[in-house]
Protein backbone atom coordinates (compact mmCIF):
# COMPACT_ATOMS: atom_id res chain seq x y z
CA MET A 1 112.37 69.46 127.96
CA ALA A 2 109.37 70.17 130.21
CA GLU A 3 109.20 73.57 131.85
CA LEU A 4 110.26 73.91 135.48
CA ALA A 5 106.76 75.07 136.42
CA THR A 6 105.25 71.80 135.19
CA ILE A 7 107.78 69.64 137.05
CA ALA A 8 107.53 71.69 140.25
CA ARG A 9 103.73 71.65 140.48
CA PRO A 10 103.28 68.10 141.90
CA TYR A 11 105.84 68.83 144.64
CA ALA A 12 104.17 72.13 145.57
CA GLU A 13 100.70 70.57 145.57
CA ALA A 14 101.84 67.58 147.65
CA LEU A 15 103.51 69.82 150.24
CA PHE A 16 100.50 72.13 150.36
CA GLY A 17 98.22 69.14 150.89
CA VAL A 18 100.26 68.19 153.96
CA ALA A 19 100.57 71.77 155.22
CA SER A 20 96.86 72.58 154.89
CA THR A 21 95.92 69.59 157.08
CA ASP A 22 98.71 70.09 159.65
CA ARG A 23 97.08 71.39 162.82
CA ALA A 24 100.38 71.79 164.66
CA VAL A 25 102.00 74.15 162.12
CA ASP A 26 100.17 76.93 160.27
CA LEU A 27 100.49 77.71 156.57
CA ALA A 28 102.58 80.82 157.20
CA ALA A 29 105.26 78.74 158.93
CA TRP A 30 105.32 76.24 156.06
CA SER A 31 105.57 79.08 153.57
CA ALA A 32 108.52 80.55 155.49
CA LEU A 33 110.20 77.13 155.51
CA VAL A 34 109.90 76.67 151.75
CA ARG A 35 111.16 80.20 151.04
CA GLU A 36 114.14 79.65 153.32
CA LEU A 37 114.87 76.33 151.59
CA ALA A 38 114.81 78.11 148.23
CA GLN A 39 117.32 80.69 149.49
CA VAL A 40 119.65 78.00 150.85
CA ALA A 41 119.43 76.01 147.60
CA ARG A 42 120.75 79.03 145.67
CA LEU A 43 123.99 79.23 147.68
CA PRO A 44 127.09 78.25 145.62
CA GLU A 45 128.43 76.16 148.51
CA VAL A 46 125.24 74.12 148.65
CA LEU A 47 125.15 73.63 144.87
CA SER A 48 128.74 72.42 144.98
CA ILE A 49 127.97 69.84 147.67
CA VAL A 50 124.79 68.67 145.91
CA SER A 51 126.72 68.02 142.70
CA ASN A 52 129.52 66.16 144.52
CA PRO A 53 129.11 62.41 143.88
CA LYS A 54 131.11 61.59 147.03
CA VAL A 55 128.44 63.09 149.27
CA SER A 56 125.49 60.78 149.90
CA ARG A 57 121.89 61.87 149.35
CA ARG A 58 121.16 61.56 153.06
CA GLN A 59 124.09 63.81 153.94
CA VAL A 60 122.84 66.44 151.49
CA ALA A 61 119.37 66.34 153.06
CA GLU A 62 120.82 66.71 156.56
CA LEU A 63 122.99 69.61 155.39
CA LEU A 64 119.97 71.44 153.97
CA LEU A 65 117.94 70.92 157.14
CA ASP A 66 120.83 72.04 159.38
CA ALA A 67 121.16 75.27 157.38
CA LEU A 68 117.53 76.22 158.11
CA LYS A 69 116.46 78.43 161.02
CA SER A 70 112.74 77.70 160.76
CA PRO A 71 111.39 75.62 163.69
CA THR A 72 109.27 73.69 161.18
CA LYS A 73 112.38 71.91 159.89
CA GLY A 74 112.17 69.35 162.70
CA THR A 75 108.79 67.97 161.69
CA PRO A 76 108.69 64.56 159.98
CA ALA A 77 106.84 66.03 157.01
CA ALA A 78 109.57 68.62 156.41
CA GLU A 79 112.31 66.00 156.68
CA ASN A 80 110.52 63.68 154.25
CA PHE A 81 109.95 66.53 151.80
CA VAL A 82 113.62 67.52 151.73
CA GLN A 83 114.73 63.89 151.48
CA MET A 84 112.38 63.33 148.52
CA LEU A 85 113.72 66.39 146.68
CA VAL A 86 117.32 65.29 147.21
CA GLU A 87 116.71 61.70 146.10
CA ASN A 88 114.88 62.87 142.95
CA HIS A 89 117.61 65.44 142.15
CA ARG A 90 115.09 68.28 142.28
CA ILE A 91 116.90 70.78 144.52
CA GLU A 92 117.03 73.30 141.66
CA LEU A 93 113.20 73.34 141.66
CA LEU A 94 112.95 74.84 145.15
CA PRO A 95 112.54 78.49 144.01
CA GLU A 96 109.71 77.47 141.67
CA ILE A 97 108.17 75.21 144.33
CA ALA A 98 108.24 78.10 146.80
CA ALA A 99 106.51 80.40 144.31
CA GLN A 100 103.81 77.83 143.54
CA PHE A 101 103.32 77.02 147.23
CA ASP A 102 102.72 80.71 147.96
CA ALA A 103 100.29 80.87 145.03
CA LEU A 104 98.34 77.90 146.42
CA LYS A 105 98.39 79.49 149.87
CA ASN A 106 97.04 82.75 148.49
CA THR A 107 94.28 80.91 146.63
CA TRP A 108 93.38 79.05 149.82
CA GLU A 109 93.19 82.33 151.72
CA GLY A 110 91.49 84.21 148.88
CA ALA A 111 94.48 86.54 148.61
CA ALA A 112 97.22 87.41 146.14
CA ASP A 113 100.68 88.96 146.21
CA VAL A 114 100.92 92.40 144.64
CA MET A 115 104.13 94.10 143.55
CA ILE A 116 103.82 97.90 143.64
CA GLU A 117 106.57 99.69 141.73
CA SER A 118 106.68 103.40 142.48
CA ALA A 119 108.86 106.24 141.27
CA PHE A 120 109.27 107.43 144.86
CA ALA A 121 108.88 106.12 148.41
CA LEU A 122 105.27 105.72 149.55
CA ASP A 123 104.26 106.67 153.08
CA ALA A 124 102.20 104.26 155.16
CA GLN A 125 98.92 106.14 154.73
CA PRO A 126 99.03 106.53 150.90
CA LEU A 127 100.16 102.91 150.59
CA ALA A 128 97.24 101.68 152.70
CA GLU A 129 94.78 103.72 150.62
CA LEU A 130 96.33 102.40 147.42
CA VAL A 131 96.01 98.77 148.61
CA VAL A 132 92.35 99.33 149.51
CA ALA A 133 91.68 100.74 146.03
CA LEU A 134 93.49 97.82 144.41
CA GLU A 135 91.55 95.27 146.48
CA ARG A 136 88.32 96.82 145.23
CA LYS A 137 89.56 96.68 141.65
CA PHE A 138 90.90 93.11 141.71
CA GLN A 139 88.19 91.75 144.05
CA ARG A 140 90.58 89.95 146.38
CA LYS A 141 92.77 90.47 149.43
CA LEU A 142 96.25 91.69 148.47
CA LYS A 143 99.62 91.34 150.17
CA PRO A 144 101.71 94.31 149.03
CA ALA A 145 105.43 94.52 148.36
CA VAL A 146 106.85 97.91 147.34
CA LYS A 147 109.79 98.50 145.02
CA ILE A 148 111.24 101.91 144.18
CA LYS A 149 111.78 102.36 140.44
CA PRO A 150 112.76 105.94 139.45
CA ALA A 151 112.58 105.02 135.74
CA LEU A 152 108.78 105.20 135.99
CA ILE A 153 109.15 109.01 136.35
CA GLY A 154 105.90 109.18 138.31
CA GLY A 155 102.88 107.09 139.26
CA VAL A 156 102.85 103.40 140.07
CA ARG A 157 103.01 100.09 138.25
CA VAL A 158 101.05 97.26 139.89
CA THR A 159 101.53 93.54 139.17
CA VAL A 160 99.05 90.97 140.52
CA GLY A 161 99.94 87.53 139.21
CA ASP A 162 100.14 88.01 135.45
CA GLU A 163 97.91 91.10 135.44
CA VAL A 164 99.63 94.47 135.14
CA LEU A 165 98.07 97.83 135.97
CA ASP A 166 100.43 100.54 134.75
CA THR A 167 99.52 104.12 135.68
CA SER A 168 103.08 105.43 135.53
CA VAL A 169 104.04 108.57 133.66
CA ARG A 170 106.51 106.54 131.60
CA ALA A 171 103.69 104.30 130.33
CA ARG A 172 101.52 107.30 129.55
CA LEU A 173 104.31 108.98 127.64
CA ALA A 174 104.94 105.86 125.61
CA ALA A 175 101.23 105.38 124.87
CA MET A 176 100.16 108.93 124.13
CA GLN A 177 103.47 110.59 123.21
CA THR A 178 102.23 113.86 124.61
CA ALA A 179 103.60 116.16 127.29
CA LEU A 180 102.00 115.78 130.69
CA THR A 181 101.63 118.82 132.92
CA ALA A 182 103.18 118.89 136.37
CA GLU A 183 99.74 118.77 137.98
CA LEU A 184 98.78 115.67 136.00
CA ILE A 185 102.06 114.00 136.90
CA LYS A 186 101.37 114.73 140.55
CA SER A 187 97.89 113.21 140.29
CA ARG A 188 99.34 110.05 138.72
CA ILE A 189 101.82 109.76 141.56
CA GLN A 190 99.35 110.33 144.37
CA GLY A 191 96.41 108.29 143.18
CA LEU A 192 95.18 105.34 141.21
CA GLU A 193 93.32 106.21 138.04
CA ALA A 194 89.99 104.39 138.06
CA GLY A 195 89.89 103.96 134.29
CA ALA A 196 93.35 102.44 133.92
CA ASP A 197 93.59 99.49 131.56
CA VAL A 198 94.54 96.07 132.97
CA ARG A 199 96.54 93.88 130.59
CA ASN A 200 97.81 90.34 131.00
CA GLN A 201 101.53 89.83 130.66
CA GLY A 202 103.76 86.79 130.50
CA THR A 203 107.37 85.77 130.00
CA VAL A 204 109.00 84.04 127.03
CA ILE A 205 110.39 80.66 128.10
CA SER A 206 111.47 79.25 124.73
CA VAL A 207 111.88 80.28 121.08
CA THR A 208 111.90 77.61 118.36
CA ASP A 209 111.54 78.29 114.63
CA GLY A 210 109.04 81.09 115.08
CA ILE A 211 107.11 79.24 117.81
CA ILE A 212 107.17 81.03 121.16
CA ARG A 213 106.21 79.40 124.46
CA ILE A 214 105.09 81.87 127.11
CA HIS A 215 104.56 81.45 130.85
CA GLY A 216 101.62 83.43 132.22
CA LEU A 217 98.88 85.14 130.16
CA SER A 218 96.11 83.45 132.15
CA ASP A 219 93.35 85.47 130.42
CA VAL A 220 94.58 85.24 126.82
CA MET A 221 92.05 84.30 124.12
CA GLN A 222 92.47 81.72 121.37
CA GLY A 223 93.67 83.56 118.28
CA GLU A 224 94.45 86.76 120.19
CA MET A 225 97.28 89.01 119.03
CA LEU A 226 100.20 89.22 121.45
CA GLU A 227 102.62 92.13 121.68
CA PHE A 228 106.33 91.30 121.87
CA PRO A 229 109.31 93.67 122.33
CA GLY A 230 110.23 95.74 119.29
CA ASN A 231 106.61 96.29 118.19
CA THR A 232 106.44 92.66 117.01
CA PHE A 233 103.22 90.67 117.16
CA GLY A 234 102.32 87.01 117.44
CA LEU A 235 99.20 84.86 117.43
CA ALA A 236 98.14 82.74 120.43
CA LEU A 237 97.26 79.23 119.20
CA ASN A 238 97.91 76.81 122.08
CA LEU A 239 96.31 77.53 125.48
CA GLU A 240 97.79 75.09 127.98
CA ARG A 241 97.67 74.90 131.76
CA ASP A 242 101.22 76.15 132.29
CA SER A 243 102.01 78.02 129.13
CA VAL A 244 100.75 79.57 125.91
CA GLY A 245 102.05 78.58 122.47
CA ALA A 246 102.19 81.40 119.93
CA VAL A 247 103.39 81.81 116.35
CA MET A 248 105.28 84.92 115.31
CA LEU A 249 103.89 87.14 112.57
CA GLY A 250 107.17 88.51 111.30
CA GLU A 251 110.81 88.54 112.37
CA PHE A 252 111.57 86.76 115.63
CA GLU A 253 115.38 86.77 115.78
CA HIS A 254 115.38 89.53 118.42
CA ILE A 255 113.00 87.61 120.72
CA CYS A 256 114.77 85.75 123.53
CA GLU A 257 113.97 83.98 126.78
CA GLY A 258 112.83 86.29 129.55
CA ASP A 259 111.22 88.87 127.26
CA THR A 260 107.88 90.30 128.37
CA VAL A 261 104.78 89.51 126.32
CA LYS A 262 101.51 91.43 126.64
CA THR A 263 97.97 90.71 125.52
CA THR A 264 96.24 93.16 123.20
CA GLY A 265 92.61 92.13 123.63
CA ARG A 266 92.25 91.99 119.84
CA ILE A 267 91.87 89.19 117.32
CA LEU A 268 94.16 89.42 114.30
CA GLU A 269 92.80 91.92 111.78
CA VAL A 270 93.67 92.69 108.16
CA PRO A 271 92.79 95.74 106.03
CA VAL A 272 89.77 95.32 103.76
CA GLY A 273 88.00 97.42 101.16
CA PRO A 274 88.21 98.56 97.55
CA GLU A 275 91.58 100.21 98.24
CA LEU A 276 93.21 96.76 97.99
CA ILE A 277 91.96 96.07 94.45
CA GLY A 278 94.84 95.95 91.97
CA ARG A 279 97.44 95.38 94.68
CA VAL A 280 99.65 92.50 95.81
CA VAL A 281 99.71 92.14 99.60
CA ASP A 282 101.10 89.69 102.14
CA ALA A 283 99.04 87.67 104.60
CA LEU A 284 98.75 90.68 106.93
CA GLY A 285 97.51 92.98 104.17
CA SER A 286 100.77 94.91 103.83
CA PRO A 287 101.69 95.86 100.24
CA ILE A 288 104.61 94.00 98.64
CA ASP A 289 104.29 95.25 95.06
CA GLY A 290 106.32 98.45 95.49
CA LYS A 291 103.38 100.72 94.65
CA GLY A 292 103.25 102.55 97.97
CA GLN A 293 101.10 102.25 101.05
CA ILE A 294 97.46 101.17 101.00
CA ASN A 295 95.22 103.67 102.75
CA ALA A 296 92.48 101.21 103.68
CA LYS A 297 89.77 102.80 105.82
CA THR A 298 88.53 99.53 107.32
CA THR A 299 90.01 96.46 109.01
CA ASP A 300 88.28 93.23 109.90
CA ALA A 301 89.04 90.19 112.07
CA ILE A 302 90.16 87.02 110.32
CA GLU A 303 88.20 84.86 112.80
CA LYS A 304 84.46 85.45 113.11
CA ILE A 305 81.22 83.50 113.14
CA ALA A 306 79.97 82.51 109.70
CA PRO A 307 76.43 83.56 108.69
CA GLY A 308 73.73 81.03 109.53
CA VAL A 309 71.84 79.02 106.94
CA ILE A 310 68.83 81.36 107.15
CA TRP A 311 70.90 84.33 106.01
CA ARG A 312 72.43 82.55 103.01
CA LYS A 313 70.94 82.88 99.55
CA SER A 314 70.42 79.86 97.34
CA VAL A 315 72.94 79.25 94.57
CA SER A 316 71.12 80.58 91.51
CA GLU A 317 73.61 82.58 89.42
CA PRO A 318 76.52 80.93 87.59
CA VAL A 319 80.17 81.94 87.43
CA GLN A 320 81.41 81.67 83.86
CA THR A 321 84.98 80.34 83.92
CA GLY A 322 85.50 80.74 80.18
CA LEU A 323 86.18 77.01 79.79
CA LYS A 324 83.29 75.42 77.90
CA SER A 325 83.86 71.94 79.28
CA ILE A 326 83.53 73.22 82.86
CA ASP A 327 80.70 75.69 82.24
CA SER A 328 78.61 73.08 80.41
CA MET A 329 79.32 69.89 82.39
CA VAL A 330 80.16 71.04 85.95
CA PRO A 331 78.92 74.64 86.16
CA ILE A 332 79.98 76.67 89.20
CA GLY A 333 77.45 78.92 90.95
CA ARG A 334 77.99 82.10 92.94
CA GLY A 335 78.03 81.06 96.59
CA GLN A 336 79.47 77.62 95.85
CA ARG A 337 82.79 75.98 96.68
CA GLU A 338 84.60 73.87 94.11
CA LEU A 339 87.73 71.75 94.43
CA ILE A 340 90.28 71.73 91.60
CA ILE A 341 92.27 68.53 92.00
CA GLY A 342 94.88 66.92 89.78
CA ASP A 343 98.47 65.79 89.46
CA ARG A 344 101.42 68.15 89.32
CA GLN A 345 101.83 70.33 86.23
CA THR A 346 98.38 69.48 84.86
CA GLY A 347 97.13 73.08 84.62
CA LYS A 348 95.25 73.61 87.89
CA THR A 349 96.62 77.15 88.33
CA ALA A 350 95.97 77.90 84.65
CA VAL A 351 92.28 77.01 85.08
CA ALA A 352 92.02 79.31 88.10
CA VAL A 353 93.80 82.22 86.40
CA ASP A 354 91.68 81.83 83.25
CA ALA A 355 88.56 81.97 85.43
CA ILE A 356 89.75 85.29 86.91
CA ILE A 357 90.53 86.75 83.48
CA ASN A 358 87.05 85.76 82.26
CA GLN A 359 85.34 87.88 84.95
CA LYS A 360 86.21 91.19 83.28
CA GLY A 361 83.15 93.42 83.11
CA LYS A 362 80.97 91.00 85.12
CA ASN A 363 80.91 92.96 88.41
CA LEU A 364 82.80 90.26 90.29
CA THR A 365 85.78 91.04 92.55
CA CYS A 366 88.46 88.33 92.43
CA ILE A 367 90.93 87.42 95.18
CA TYR A 368 93.85 85.15 94.33
CA VAL A 369 95.55 83.66 97.41
CA ALA A 370 98.96 82.14 96.64
CA ILE A 371 100.19 79.82 99.40
CA GLY A 372 103.64 78.24 99.56
CA GLN A 373 104.53 78.90 95.91
CA LYS A 374 107.80 80.19 94.56
CA ALA A 375 107.95 83.97 94.39
CA SER A 376 108.74 83.73 90.67
CA SER A 377 105.56 81.69 90.06
CA ILE A 378 103.46 84.27 91.89
CA MET A 379 105.11 87.04 89.87
CA ASN A 380 104.25 85.23 86.62
CA VAL A 381 100.58 84.99 87.65
CA VAL A 382 100.47 88.71 88.52
CA ARG A 383 102.12 89.59 85.21
CA LYS A 384 99.55 87.51 83.30
CA LEU A 385 96.68 89.18 85.15
CA GLU A 386 98.13 92.61 84.36
CA GLU A 387 98.52 91.75 80.67
CA HIS A 388 94.81 90.92 80.43
CA GLY A 389 93.66 93.87 82.55
CA ALA A 390 92.43 91.54 85.29
CA MET A 391 94.24 93.36 88.13
CA GLU A 392 91.61 96.11 87.82
CA TYR A 393 89.23 93.89 89.79
CA THR A 394 91.65 91.49 91.52
CA ILE A 395 93.48 91.36 94.87
CA VAL A 396 96.51 89.07 95.15
CA VAL A 397 97.39 87.76 98.62
CA ALA A 398 100.85 86.18 98.53
CA ALA A 399 102.46 83.94 101.16
CA SER A 400 105.37 82.46 99.24
CA ALA A 401 107.51 79.46 100.15
CA SER A 402 110.11 81.83 101.61
CA ASP A 403 107.59 83.23 104.11
CA SER A 404 107.14 81.72 107.54
CA ALA A 405 104.73 78.84 108.17
CA ALA A 406 102.57 81.21 110.22
CA MET A 407 102.10 83.56 107.25
CA GLN A 408 101.21 80.63 104.98
CA PHE A 409 98.77 79.42 107.63
CA ILE A 410 96.82 82.69 107.94
CA ALA A 411 96.91 83.69 104.25
CA PRO A 412 93.62 81.90 103.34
CA TYR A 413 91.91 83.52 106.34
CA ALA A 414 93.13 86.95 105.22
CA GLY A 415 91.90 86.40 101.66
CA CYS A 416 88.52 85.17 102.88
CA THR A 417 88.14 88.22 105.15
CA MET A 418 88.84 90.54 102.20
CA GLY A 419 86.19 88.75 100.16
CA GLU A 420 83.65 88.88 102.99
CA TYR A 421 83.90 92.68 102.94
CA PHE A 422 82.37 92.72 99.45
CA ARG A 423 79.84 89.99 100.31
CA ASP A 424 78.54 91.97 103.30
CA ARG A 425 77.87 94.93 100.98
CA GLY A 426 75.78 92.96 98.52
CA GLN A 427 78.59 92.41 96.01
CA ASP A 428 80.01 89.14 94.67
CA ALA A 429 83.57 87.91 95.18
CA LEU A 430 85.52 84.98 93.77
CA ILE A 431 88.33 83.60 95.95
CA ILE A 432 90.92 81.17 94.64
CA TYR A 433 93.24 79.37 97.08
CA ASP A 434 96.35 78.09 95.30
CA ASP A 435 96.77 75.85 97.05
CA LEU A 436 95.40 74.54 100.35
CA THR A 437 97.79 71.58 100.41
CA LYS A 438 100.61 74.02 101.14
CA GLN A 439 98.56 75.52 103.96
CA ALA A 440 98.04 72.04 105.42
CA TRP A 441 101.82 71.52 105.32
CA ALA A 442 102.37 74.82 107.12
CA TYR A 443 99.73 73.95 109.71
CA ARG A 444 101.34 70.53 110.24
CA GLN A 445 104.70 72.20 110.85
CA ILE A 446 103.19 74.66 113.34
CA SER A 447 101.22 71.93 115.13
CA LEU A 448 104.25 69.67 115.54
CA LEU A 449 106.31 72.55 116.96
CA LEU A 450 103.42 73.30 119.33
CA ARG A 451 103.53 69.62 120.42
CA ARG A 452 99.99 68.87 119.31
CA PRO A 453 99.19 65.14 118.93
CA PRO A 454 99.93 64.10 115.33
CA GLY A 455 97.55 61.98 113.30
CA ARG A 456 97.85 60.32 109.92
CA GLU A 457 100.98 61.47 108.03
CA ALA A 458 101.70 63.68 111.09
CA TYR A 459 98.81 66.03 110.28
CA PRO A 460 96.88 67.27 113.35
CA GLY A 461 93.38 65.94 113.86
CA ASP A 462 91.65 69.23 113.11
CA VAL A 463 93.18 69.75 109.66
CA PHE A 464 89.85 68.82 108.03
CA TYR A 465 88.02 71.35 110.19
CA LEU A 466 90.63 73.89 109.12
CA HIS A 467 89.61 73.45 105.47
CA SER A 468 85.87 73.09 106.04
């Protein structure tokens, strides 16, 4: 089902087109009319009449117009607008239409509504000074509305569209977890800190199998980490006009409609470095082998620009797999990619594991990325590597079949980022993805839930770019 915002937009834009060219009635009067209509449409008595099949559509329209006090209700445009809403059964959209109409009006006037939440009542003079400071910060004219919220303890919380500027004591306590002096609290209450951080925020509108659709977040980046309630994070993948589609990186059962989502300004990062060698980690770099925490000193983004051709060395040194038929007939070089393809149960994983075992003493760090396999199969591979002493130079990244599609999707990126750490320091690394077909399945599942256009066998069109 399409979101209310998407359905309401054509009505709001059509009404604004009429209102902006109406010389007899100004925009403020039209805005007041739409807001009053939205209030009337919420009344239980009106909802009861609208849902009554014995009442004609024309009677419902006349009832709505009679309930209005705005003088604009008598214009032909207003009557036609109400009649159209009633005939199309869109009365429930009026609150959303009113909000979008006001947004269009503010854009037309170069202004924006601002909600100022304060821990205490603001006098006229401090409020005026605060609005002036905010207009300088947001570079637009602001129309303030003040709400008293004692839970903030002190300071103010400002919301302009989907941008939030929180200078409250409560936010500072949560962020810094330090005691603030009375003088500092007073300064937060009286003024606006110039260096305060502005973060986008949105609202969850649907939750489906780990896919979250969010309204708002106008400045979110592709691949940016999003912060959900309960210190849970997600990954922004779909940037649409009305909403943002995100995949959850972890448990999502506690996420529900109406929850607040905030941007972090950071691309997803995973720990990298020699501290991971000999460990089994998940797609986020968290240990899952029961050997304690990993004290990695460095993290790196999973999405970054690949080195250009000029910076790449020619393939000149071989990688000995230990299999004579491969090393003699189709030798693999350091810096090369090679596809292992074959039917089920033909030994593809065995070839990869043997290649890792053969690198002992050859100054080559190995990274084995298991995607969509049974946990028991991954455990058998780890046990075999331990038996041959190969874990001394190997990192295992595991996203098993029981993990979410999002974790299986990002596992190859995480493994590649860990390998790039060694490459950037002049060392060699061997990465084995076992296997990318499972990642394509996970990506297909995510793409279908995000409503991306399916292609052949329901795979999205960019699946080949994903594996390039």
